Amino acid sequence: MADPVFHSSRYPKHNEQGRGNKGQIFGGECNRTRCTAHGATWFNRGTYAYECEQHAKGANAFPTDGQVPCVETDGQLTLDMMNFYVTELKAKMAMHRKAQ
């Protein structure tokens, strides 16, 4: 399993609960607080963390400005890739709002 990559904007509550790697490792534990599923491969561009398929698809069922928050990835993301996905999301959301 890959080493965790911690984005400075990630959801910090898990550190306080002694679950510091939760949602930070591709294929590891889902980032959702009550979820203990492993195999998290979906990157949530809002929380900067990995989620299991069930929770990612649940989040994607409610797009914001025409965009879904979670994207499926094929490996551990670097900080640069995390930032790319988030920047891409924000740009697409801005274009969607402008087109309205």
Protein backbone atom coordinates (compact mmCIF):
# COMPACT_ATOMS: atom_id res chain seq x y z
CA MET A 1 0.00 0.00 0.00
CA ALA A 2 1.22 3.51 -0.80
CA ASP A 3 2.34 6.08 1.73
CA PRO A 4 -0.30 8.66 2.63
CA VAL A 5 -0.23 12.07 0.97
CA PHE A 6 -1.61 14.76 3.25
CA HIS A 7 -3.02 17.85 1.58
CA SER A 8 -3.03 20.95 3.78
CA SER A 9 -6.73 21.53 2.96
CA ARG A 10 -7.90 18.04 3.92
CA TYR A 11 -10.60 17.37 6.48
CA PRO A 12 -8.65 17.48 9.79
CA LYS A 13 -11.11 15.77 12.16
CA HIS A 14 -9.60 12.30 11.65
CA ASN A 15 -6.30 13.43 13.20
CA GLU A 16 -8.16 14.30 16.40
CA GLN A 17 -9.73 10.83 16.44
CA GLY A 18 -6.40 9.01 16.05
CA ARG A 19 -7.29 8.00 12.49
CA GLY A 20 -4.72 10.18 10.72
CA ASN A 21 -4.41 8.09 7.54
CA LYS A 22 -8.17 7.71 7.02
CA GLY A 23 -9.00 8.74 3.46
CA GLN A 24 -5.40 9.58 2.61
CA ILE A 25 -4.24 6.31 1.06
CA PHE A 26 -5.39 5.03 -2.33
CA GLY A 27 -7.11 1.71 -1.67
CA GLY A 28 -7.20 2.38 2.07
CA GLU A 29 -10.03 3.28 4.43
CA CYS A 30 -12.86 5.49 3.17
CA ASN A 31 -12.70 9.10 4.39
CA ARG A 32 -16.33 9.17 5.58
CA THR A 33 -16.31 9.33 9.38
CA ARG A 34 -18.62 6.36 10.03
CA CYS A 35 -17.40 4.24 7.13
CA THR A 36 -14.79 1.55 7.72
CA ALA A 37 -14.75 0.20 4.15
CA HIS A 38 -11.36 -0.30 2.55
CA GLY A 39 -10.62 -0.04 -1.16
CA ALA A 40 -11.20 3.73 -1.37
CA THR A 41 -10.22 4.71 -4.92
CA TRP A 42 -12.43 7.75 -5.54
CA PHE A 43 -10.86 11.16 -4.86
CA ASN A 44 -13.26 13.73 -3.40
CA ARG A 45 -12.18 17.12 -4.72
CA GLY A 46 -13.99 18.88 -1.89
CA THR A 47 -12.36 17.03 1.00
CA TYR A 48 -9.03 16.17 -0.67
CA ALA A 49 -9.46 12.54 0.35
CA TYR A 50 -10.32 9.08 -0.95
CA GLU A 51 -13.76 7.55 -0.54
CA CYS A 52 -15.21 4.11 -1.17
CA GLU A 53 -17.30 3.64 -4.30
CA GLN A 54 -20.61 3.69 -2.42
CA HIS A 55 -19.98 7.06 -0.77
CA ALA A 56 -18.39 8.59 -3.87
CA LYS A 57 -21.35 7.66 -6.04
CA GLY A 58 -23.68 8.95 -3.34
CA ALA A 59 -21.90 12.31 -3.35
CA ASN A 60 -21.91 12.38 -7.16
CA ALA A 61 -25.68 11.97 -7.19
CA PHE A 62 -25.95 15.64 -6.20
CA PRO A 63 -23.77 17.68 -8.60
CA THR A 64 -22.96 21.31 -7.85
CA ASP A 65 -22.94 23.68 -10.80
CA GLY A 66 -23.09 20.67 -13.10
CA GLN A 67 -20.02 19.01 -11.59
CA VAL A 68 -19.60 15.96 -9.39
CA PRO A 69 -17.15 16.10 -6.47
CA CYS A 70 -15.61 12.62 -6.77
CA VAL A 71 -13.43 11.20 -9.54
CA GLU A 72 -12.19 7.64 -9.76
CA THR A 73 -8.40 7.37 -9.74
CA ASP A 74 -6.02 4.56 -10.59
CA GLY A 75 -3.34 5.18 -7.98
CA GLN A 76 -2.05 7.35 -5.15
CA LEU A 77 -2.24 11.00 -6.17
CA THR A 78 0.58 13.45 -5.63
CA LEU A 79 -0.15 16.87 -4.15
CA ASP A 80 0.20 18.34 -7.65
CA MET A 81 -2.42 15.94 -9.02
CA MET A 82 -4.79 16.69 -6.13
CA ASN A 83 -4.42 20.39 -6.85
CA PHE A 84 -4.98 19.77 -10.58
CA TYR A 85 -8.26 17.92 -9.92
CA VAL A 86 -9.49 20.66 -7.57
CA THR A 87 -8.49 23.48 -9.95
CA GLU A 88 -10.19 21.66 -12.82
CA LEU A 89 -13.38 21.30 -10.77
CA LYS A 90 -13.45 24.98 -9.82
CA ALA A 91 -12.87 26.05 -13.44
CA LYS A 92 -15.68 23.84 -14.76
CA MET A 93 -18.03 25.08 -12.05
CA ALA A 94 -17.22 28.70 -12.94
CA MET A 95 -17.87 28.02 -16.64
CA HIS A 96 -21.18 26.38 -15.77
CA ARG A 97 -22.27 29.39 -13.68
CA LYS A 98 -21.19 31.80 -16.42
CA ALA A 99 -23.27 29.87 -19.00
CA GLN A 100 -26.41 30.12 -16.85
